Amino acid sequence: MRKSTTLALLAGASAMLAACGSSGGILGRDRPDEFAVQRQAPLVVPPDFNLVPPAPGAPRPSDDAASEEALGVLFGGSAPRSEVETSALDRAGTAEPGIRTEVGDPQTNTVAKGSVTRDIVSAPEGDGQFAQAVIPEG
């Protein structure tokens, strides 16, 4: 019993010591060379650096540009709509201003879409901590 315990401890210690080696081996991987760092060129102010001081009370020009740029990146900017999309939007018409409150009203007549849609609409609000997904077999 004593020899097997000693042998097991010796094998474990040698395995841990072997893991400290840097000779590649089975677990070896390529690592970046921390001494191969290149210096970046210093920042230089252009010689024709003409800035106009902002007018008092004027909106900041960079705030709108950033939000418009983000919308352009997310939604593709002002790309022309296809004929199908234009036709669908024309048929849909414009939405009424209070449509969201009317849809949530229990007195609103709706078309029955099945039990799944009813379960989704009637689900209690929450942060999803106790959410479950059930896939029906069929």
N, C-alpha and C. Protein backbone atom coordinates (compact mmCIF):
# COMPACT_ATOMS: atom_id res chain seq x y z
N MET A 1 0.83 -1.19 0.00
CA MET A 1 0.00 0.00 0.00
C MET A 1 0.87 1.25 0.00
N ARG A 2 1.91 1.22 0.79
CA ARG A 2 2.78 2.38 0.90
C ARG A 2 3.57 2.60 -0.39
N LYS A 3 3.99 1.51 -1.04
CA LYS A 3 4.75 1.64 -2.28
C LYS A 3 3.86 2.18 -3.40
N SER A 4 2.62 1.74 -3.45
CA SER A 4 1.73 2.20 -4.53
C SER A 4 1.40 3.69 -4.36
N THR A 5 1.24 4.14 -3.11
CA THR A 5 0.97 5.56 -2.86
C THR A 5 2.17 6.40 -3.26
N THR A 6 3.36 5.95 -2.89
CA THR A 6 4.58 6.67 -3.23
C THR A 6 4.77 6.70 -4.74
N LEU A 7 4.50 5.57 -5.40
CA LEU A 7 4.65 5.50 -6.84
C LEU A 7 3.65 6.41 -7.55
N ALA A 8 2.42 6.48 -7.03
CA ALA A 8 1.41 7.35 -7.62
C ALA A 8 1.79 8.83 -7.44
N LEU A 9 2.28 9.22 -6.27
CA LEU A 9 2.70 10.59 -6.04
C LEU A 9 3.90 10.96 -6.91
N LEU A 10 4.83 10.03 -7.07
CA LEU A 10 6.00 10.27 -7.90
C LEU A 10 5.59 10.43 -9.36
N ALA A 11 4.65 9.63 -9.84
CA ALA A 11 4.18 9.74 -11.23
C ALA A 11 3.44 11.06 -11.44
N GLY A 12 2.63 11.46 -10.49
CA GLY A 12 1.92 12.73 -10.60
C GLY A 12 2.86 13.91 -10.60
N ALA A 13 3.86 13.88 -9.70
CA ALA A 13 4.83 14.98 -9.64
C ALA A 13 5.64 15.06 -10.93
N SER A 14 6.02 13.92 -11.48
CA SER A 14 6.80 13.95 -12.72
C SER A 14 5.95 14.42 -13.89
N ALA A 15 4.66 14.11 -13.91
CA ALA A 15 3.77 14.59 -14.98
C ALA A 15 3.61 16.11 -14.89
N MET A 16 3.48 16.64 -13.67
CA MET A 16 3.35 18.09 -13.51
C MET A 16 4.64 18.79 -13.90
N LEU A 17 5.77 18.20 -13.56
CA LEU A 17 7.06 18.80 -13.91
C LEU A 17 7.28 18.74 -15.42
N ALA A 18 6.84 17.68 -16.07
CA ALA A 18 6.99 17.57 -17.52
C ALA A 18 6.12 18.59 -18.24
N ALA A 19 5.02 18.99 -17.65
CA ALA A 19 4.14 19.97 -18.28
C ALA A 19 4.78 21.34 -18.33
N CYS A 20 5.80 21.59 -17.52
CA CYS A 20 6.46 22.89 -17.50
C CYS A 20 7.46 23.03 -18.63
N GLY A 21 7.75 21.98 -19.34
CA GLY A 21 8.73 22.04 -20.42
C GLY A 21 8.23 22.88 -21.58
N SER A 22 9.16 23.43 -22.36
CA SER A 22 8.78 24.27 -23.49
C SER A 22 9.26 23.67 -24.81
N SER A 23 9.36 22.38 -24.88
CA SER A 23 9.92 21.75 -26.07
C SER A 23 8.85 21.32 -27.05
N GLY A 24 7.74 22.03 -27.13
CA GLY A 24 6.70 21.66 -28.09
C GLY A 24 5.96 20.43 -27.62
N GLY A 25 6.29 19.30 -28.16
CA GLY A 25 5.66 18.06 -27.76
C GLY A 25 4.22 17.98 -28.24
N ILE A 26 3.44 17.19 -27.57
CA ILE A 26 2.05 16.99 -27.97
C ILE A 26 1.23 18.26 -27.77
N LEU A 27 1.44 18.93 -26.65
CA LEU A 27 0.66 20.12 -26.34
C LEU A 27 1.31 21.40 -26.81
N GLY A 28 2.40 21.30 -27.58
CA GLY A 28 3.10 22.49 -28.04
C GLY A 28 2.27 23.27 -29.04
N ARG A 29 2.41 24.57 -29.05
CA ARG A 29 1.68 25.42 -30.00
C ARG A 29 2.55 26.62 -30.33
N ASP A 30 2.25 27.24 -31.45
CA ASP A 30 3.00 28.42 -31.85
C ASP A 30 2.60 29.60 -30.99
N ARG A 31 3.58 30.30 -30.50
CA ARG A 31 3.32 31.47 -29.66
C ARG A 31 3.90 32.70 -30.34
N PRO A 32 3.31 33.85 -30.11
CA PRO A 32 3.86 35.07 -30.72
C PRO A 32 5.19 35.43 -30.07
N ASP A 33 6.03 36.04 -30.86
CA ASP A 33 7.33 36.48 -30.36
C ASP A 33 7.16 37.87 -29.76
N GLU A 34 7.29 37.97 -28.44
CA GLU A 34 7.06 39.25 -27.77
C GLU A 34 8.15 40.27 -28.04
N PHE A 35 9.27 39.84 -28.63
CA PHE A 35 10.35 40.77 -28.93
C PHE A 35 10.29 41.28 -30.36
N ALA A 36 9.38 40.78 -31.15
CA ALA A 36 9.24 41.22 -32.54
C ALA A 36 8.17 42.30 -32.64
N VAL A 37 8.33 43.38 -31.89
CA VAL A 37 7.36 44.47 -31.86
C VAL A 37 7.88 45.59 -32.73
N GLN A 38 7.01 46.13 -33.57
CA GLN A 38 7.42 47.24 -34.43
C GLN A 38 6.91 48.54 -33.84
N ARG A 39 7.66 49.56 -34.01
CA ARG A 39 7.25 50.87 -33.53
C ARG A 39 6.37 51.53 -34.57
N GLN A 40 5.36 52.23 -34.08
CA GLN A 40 4.46 52.98 -34.97
C GLN A 40 5.02 54.38 -35.18
N ALA A 41 4.73 54.92 -36.33
CA ALA A 41 5.17 56.28 -36.61
C ALA A 41 4.45 57.24 -35.67
N PRO A 42 5.12 58.31 -35.22
CA PRO A 42 4.45 59.25 -34.30
C PRO A 42 3.36 60.03 -35.04
N LEU A 43 2.36 60.47 -34.27
CA LEU A 43 1.30 61.28 -34.83
C LEU A 43 1.83 62.67 -35.16
N VAL A 44 1.44 63.18 -36.32
CA VAL A 44 1.92 64.48 -36.77
C VAL A 44 0.71 65.34 -37.11
N VAL A 45 0.74 66.59 -36.68
CA VAL A 45 -0.31 67.53 -37.00
C VAL A 45 -0.07 68.03 -38.42
N PRO A 46 -1.07 67.97 -39.30
CA PRO A 46 -0.88 68.45 -40.67
C PRO A 46 -0.57 69.94 -40.69
N PRO A 47 0.18 70.40 -41.68
CA PRO A 47 0.55 71.82 -41.71
C PRO A 47 -0.64 72.74 -41.97
N ASP A 48 -1.70 72.29 -42.67
CA ASP A 48 -2.84 73.14 -42.95
C ASP A 48 -4.01 72.81 -42.03
N PHE A 49 -3.74 72.77 -40.76
CA PHE A 49 -4.73 72.36 -39.77
C PHE A 49 -5.56 73.58 -39.39
N ASN A 50 -6.65 73.83 -40.12
CA ASN A 50 -7.49 75.00 -39.89
C ASN A 50 -8.80 74.57 -39.26
N LEU A 51 -8.98 74.89 -38.00
CA LEU A 51 -10.22 74.59 -37.30
C LEU A 51 -10.96 75.89 -37.03
N VAL A 52 -12.28 75.84 -37.24
CA VAL A 52 -13.11 76.99 -36.94
C VAL A 52 -13.74 76.74 -35.58
N PRO A 53 -13.66 77.68 -34.66
CA PRO A 53 -14.27 77.45 -33.35
C PRO A 53 -15.78 77.30 -33.49
N PRO A 54 -16.39 76.42 -32.67
CA PRO A 54 -17.83 76.19 -32.79
C PRO A 54 -18.62 77.41 -32.34
N ALA A 55 -19.79 77.56 -32.96
CA ALA A 55 -20.68 78.66 -32.58
C ALA A 55 -21.38 78.30 -31.28
N PRO A 56 -21.61 79.25 -30.40
CA PRO A 56 -22.29 78.95 -29.14
C PRO A 56 -23.71 78.44 -29.39
N GLY A 57 -24.05 77.32 -28.77
CA GLY A 57 -25.38 76.73 -28.88
C GLY A 57 -25.59 75.88 -30.12
N ALA A 58 -24.59 75.76 -30.98
CA ALA A 58 -24.73 74.95 -32.19
C ALA A 58 -24.61 73.47 -31.84
N PRO A 59 -25.35 72.61 -32.53
CA PRO A 59 -25.25 71.17 -32.23
C PRO A 59 -23.89 70.63 -32.63
N ARG A 60 -23.48 69.60 -31.93
CA ARG A 60 -22.18 68.99 -32.24
C ARG A 60 -22.29 68.23 -33.56
N PRO A 61 -21.40 68.45 -34.48
CA PRO A 61 -21.52 67.80 -35.78
C PRO A 61 -21.20 66.29 -35.73
N SER A 62 -20.42 65.88 -34.77
CA SER A 62 -20.02 64.47 -34.74
C SER A 62 -21.11 63.56 -34.18
N ASP A 63 -22.03 64.07 -33.37
CA ASP A 63 -23.08 63.23 -32.79
C ASP A 63 -24.01 62.67 -33.86
N ASP A 64 -24.51 63.50 -34.74
CA ASP A 64 -25.42 63.04 -35.78
C ASP A 64 -24.70 62.16 -36.78
N ALA A 65 -23.47 62.49 -37.09
CA ALA A 65 -22.74 61.71 -38.08
C ALA A 65 -22.52 60.28 -37.58
N ALA A 66 -22.25 60.10 -36.31
CA ALA A 66 -22.01 58.77 -35.78
C ALA A 66 -23.28 57.92 -35.80
N SER A 67 -24.40 58.51 -35.44
CA SER A 67 -25.65 57.74 -35.45
C SER A 67 -26.08 57.42 -36.87
N GLU A 68 -25.91 58.35 -37.79
CA GLU A 68 -26.25 58.07 -39.18
C GLU A 68 -25.32 57.01 -39.77
N GLU A 69 -24.07 57.06 -39.40
CA GLU A 69 -23.12 56.06 -39.89
C GLU A 69 -23.47 54.67 -39.35
N ALA A 70 -23.88 54.60 -38.08
CA ALA A 70 -24.27 53.31 -37.50
C ALA A 70 -25.51 52.75 -38.20
N LEU A 71 -26.49 53.60 -38.47
CA LEU A 71 -27.69 53.15 -39.20
C LEU A 71 -27.33 52.68 -40.60
N GLY A 72 -26.42 53.38 -41.23
CA GLY A 72 -25.99 52.97 -42.57
C GLY A 72 -25.30 51.62 -42.56
N VAL A 73 -24.50 51.38 -41.54
CA VAL A 73 -23.82 50.09 -41.45
C VAL A 73 -24.80 48.98 -41.14
N LEU A 74 -25.75 49.23 -40.24
CA LEU A 74 -26.71 48.20 -39.86
C LEU A 74 -27.71 47.88 -40.97
N PHE A 75 -28.24 48.90 -41.62
CA PHE A 75 -29.33 48.69 -42.55
C PHE A 75 -28.97 48.95 -44.00
N GLY A 76 -27.71 49.14 -44.30
CA GLY A 76 -27.29 49.27 -45.69
C GLY A 76 -27.49 50.63 -46.32
N GLY A 77 -27.79 51.62 -45.55
CA GLY A 77 -27.94 52.95 -46.12
C GLY A 77 -29.19 53.09 -46.95
N SER A 78 -29.14 53.98 -47.91
CA SER A 78 -30.32 54.26 -48.73
C SER A 78 -30.23 53.50 -50.04
N ALA A 79 -30.32 52.19 -49.98
CA ALA A 79 -30.29 51.36 -51.17
C ALA A 79 -31.67 51.43 -51.83
N PRO A 80 -31.72 51.37 -53.17
CA PRO A 80 -33.03 51.40 -53.82
C PRO A 80 -33.82 50.14 -53.51
N ARG A 81 -35.12 50.30 -53.33
CA ARG A 81 -35.98 49.15 -53.01
C ARG A 81 -36.33 48.40 -54.29
N SER A 82 -36.48 47.11 -54.13
CA SER A 82 -36.86 46.28 -55.27
C SER A 82 -38.34 46.48 -55.58
N GLU A 83 -38.79 45.99 -56.74
CA GLU A 83 -40.19 46.13 -57.11
C GLU A 83 -41.10 45.37 -56.15
N VAL A 84 -40.65 44.20 -55.71
CA VAL A 84 -41.45 43.39 -54.79
C VAL A 84 -41.62 44.11 -53.46
N GLU A 85 -40.54 44.68 -52.94
CA GLU A 85 -40.62 45.39 -51.67
C GLU A 85 -41.50 46.62 -51.79
N THR A 86 -41.36 47.35 -52.88
CA THR A 86 -42.19 48.53 -53.09
C THR A 86 -43.66 48.15 -53.20
N SER A 87 -43.94 47.07 -53.91
CA SER A 87 -45.33 46.61 -54.05
C SER A 87 -45.91 46.19 -52.70
N ALA A 88 -45.12 45.46 -51.90
CA ALA A 88 -45.61 45.04 -50.58
C ALA A 88 -45.88 46.23 -49.68
N LEU A 89 -45.00 47.22 -49.70
CA LEU A 89 -45.21 48.42 -48.88
C LEU A 89 -46.41 49.22 -49.34
N ASP A 90 -46.63 49.28 -50.67
CA ASP A 90 -47.80 50.00 -51.18
C ASP A 90 -49.10 49.31 -50.77
N ARG A 91 -49.12 48.00 -50.82
CA ARG A 91 -50.32 47.25 -50.44
C ARG A 91 -50.59 47.35 -48.94
N ALA A 92 -49.53 47.40 -48.14
CA ALA A 92 -49.70 47.47 -46.68
C ALA A 92 -50.27 48.81 -46.26
N GLY A 93 -49.92 49.87 -46.96
CA GLY A 93 -50.41 51.20 -46.59
C GLY A 93 -49.64 51.73 -45.38
N THR A 94 -50.15 52.83 -44.84
CA THR A 94 -49.50 53.42 -43.67
C THR A 94 -50.17 52.92 -42.39
N ALA A 95 -49.39 52.79 -41.36
CA ALA A 95 -49.90 52.30 -40.08
C ALA A 95 -50.58 53.43 -39.32
N GLU A 96 -51.63 53.09 -38.61
CA GLU A 96 -52.29 54.08 -37.77
C GLU A 96 -51.42 54.40 -36.58
N PRO A 97 -51.50 55.62 -36.06
CA PRO A 97 -50.63 56.01 -34.96
C PRO A 97 -50.78 55.16 -33.70
N GLY A 98 -51.98 54.71 -33.37
CA GLY A 98 -52.18 53.96 -32.12
C GLY A 98 -52.29 52.46 -32.33
N ILE A 99 -51.67 51.94 -33.38
CA ILE A 99 -51.86 50.53 -33.71
C ILE A 99 -51.28 49.60 -32.64
N ARG A 100 -50.23 50.00 -32.00
CA ARG A 100 -49.61 49.12 -30.99
C ARG A 100 -50.52 48.94 -29.77
N THR A 101 -51.21 49.98 -29.39
CA THR A 101 -52.11 49.84 -28.24
C THR A 101 -53.36 49.05 -28.62
N GLU A 102 -53.81 49.18 -29.85
CA GLU A 102 -54.99 48.43 -30.29
C GLU A 102 -54.70 46.93 -30.37
N VAL A 103 -53.51 46.58 -30.82
CA VAL A 103 -53.16 45.16 -30.94
C VAL A 103 -53.10 44.51 -29.57
N GLY A 104 -52.62 45.21 -28.57
CA GLY A 104 -52.52 44.66 -27.23
C GLY A 104 -53.84 44.63 -26.47
N ASP A 105 -54.87 45.25 -27.00
CA ASP A 105 -56.16 45.30 -26.34
C ASP A 105 -56.86 43.94 -26.44
N PRO A 106 -57.38 43.40 -25.33
CA PRO A 106 -58.05 42.10 -25.40
C PRO A 106 -59.33 42.11 -26.24
N GLN A 107 -59.92 43.26 -26.47
CA GLN A 107 -61.15 43.36 -27.26
C GLN A 107 -60.88 43.36 -28.77
N THR A 108 -59.61 43.40 -29.17
CA THR A 108 -59.27 43.43 -30.59
C THR A 108 -59.52 42.06 -31.20
N ASN A 109 -60.23 42.03 -32.32
CA ASN A 109 -60.48 40.77 -33.03
C ASN A 109 -59.24 40.39 -33.83
N THR A 110 -58.80 39.17 -33.65
CA THR A 110 -57.63 38.68 -34.37
C THR A 110 -57.96 37.33 -35.00
N VAL A 111 -57.12 36.93 -35.92
CA VAL A 111 -57.26 35.63 -36.57
C VAL A 111 -56.51 34.62 -35.72
N ALA A 112 -57.13 33.45 -35.49
CA ALA A 112 -56.49 32.42 -34.67
C ALA A 112 -55.29 31.86 -35.42
N LYS A 113 -54.09 31.99 -34.83
CA LYS A 113 -52.86 31.51 -35.44
C LYS A 113 -52.38 30.21 -34.80
N GLY A 114 -53.12 29.67 -33.87
CA GLY A 114 -52.72 28.42 -33.25
C GLY A 114 -52.28 28.61 -31.81
N SER A 115 -52.03 27.50 -31.16
CA SER A 115 -51.70 27.55 -29.74
C SER A 115 -50.32 28.13 -29.47
N VAL A 116 -49.39 27.97 -30.40
CA VAL A 116 -48.03 28.49 -30.18
C VAL A 116 -48.05 30.00 -30.11
N THR A 117 -48.72 30.63 -31.06
CA THR A 117 -48.80 32.09 -31.05
C THR A 117 -49.54 32.58 -29.81
N ARG A 118 -50.62 31.89 -29.44
CA ARG A 118 -51.37 32.28 -28.24
C ARG A 118 -50.50 32.17 -27.00
N ASP A 119 -49.68 31.11 -26.92
CA ASP A 119 -48.79 30.95 -25.77
C ASP A 119 -47.73 32.05 -25.73
N ILE A 120 -47.22 32.43 -26.89
CA ILE A 120 -46.20 33.48 -26.93
C ILE A 120 -46.79 34.81 -26.51
N VAL A 121 -47.98 35.13 -27.01
CA VAL A 121 -48.60 36.41 -26.69
C VAL A 121 -49.00 36.47 -25.22
N SER A 122 -49.47 35.36 -24.67
CA SER A 122 -49.94 35.39 -23.28
C SER A 122 -48.83 35.06 -22.27
N ALA A 123 -47.61 34.90 -22.74
CA ALA A 123 -46.50 34.60 -21.81
C ALA A 123 -46.26 35.79 -20.90
N PRO A 124 -45.95 35.54 -19.63
CA PRO A 124 -45.68 36.66 -18.71
C PRO A 124 -44.36 37.33 -19.06
N GLU A 125 -44.31 38.60 -18.77
CA GLU A 125 -43.07 39.33 -19.02
C GLU A 125 -42.04 38.93 -17.98
N GLY A 126 -40.80 38.95 -18.36
CA GLY A 126 -39.72 38.64 -17.43
C GLY A 126 -38.39 38.73 -18.14
N ASP A 127 -37.35 38.42 -17.41
CA ASP A 127 -36.01 38.52 -17.98
C ASP A 127 -35.56 37.22 -18.64
N GLY A 128 -36.41 36.20 -18.66
CA GLY A 128 -36.07 34.95 -19.33
C GLY A 128 -35.24 34.00 -18.48
N GLN A 129 -35.12 34.28 -17.20
CA GLN A 129 -34.30 33.47 -16.32
C GLN A 129 -34.83 32.05 -16.24
N PHE A 130 -36.15 31.89 -16.25
CA PHE A 130 -36.75 30.56 -16.11
C PHE A 130 -37.37 30.10 -17.42
N ALA A 131 -36.89 30.63 -18.55
CA ALA A 131 -37.45 30.28 -19.87
C ALA A 131 -37.11 28.84 -20.21
N GLN A 132 -38.03 28.19 -20.91
CA GLN A 132 -37.83 26.82 -21.35
C GLN A 132 -38.25 26.70 -22.79
N ALA A 133 -37.60 25.82 -23.51
CA ALA A 133 -37.97 25.55 -24.89
C ALA A 133 -38.42 24.10 -24.99
N VAL A 134 -39.59 23.87 -25.52
CA VAL A 134 -40.13 22.53 -25.68
C VAL A 134 -40.37 22.30 -27.16
N ILE A 135 -39.76 21.25 -27.70
CA ILE A 135 -39.96 20.89 -29.09
C ILE A 135 -40.93 19.73 -29.15
N PRO A 136 -42.11 19.96 -29.71
CA PRO A 136 -43.09 18.87 -29.75
C PRO A 136 -42.66 17.79 -30.75
N GLU A 137 -42.89 16.57 -30.39
CA GLU A 137 -42.56 15.47 -31.28
C GLU A 137 -43.75 15.21 -32.17
N GLY A 138 -43.48 14.93 -33.42
CA GLY A 138 -44.63 14.69 -34.26
C GLY A 138 -44.28 14.34 -35.66
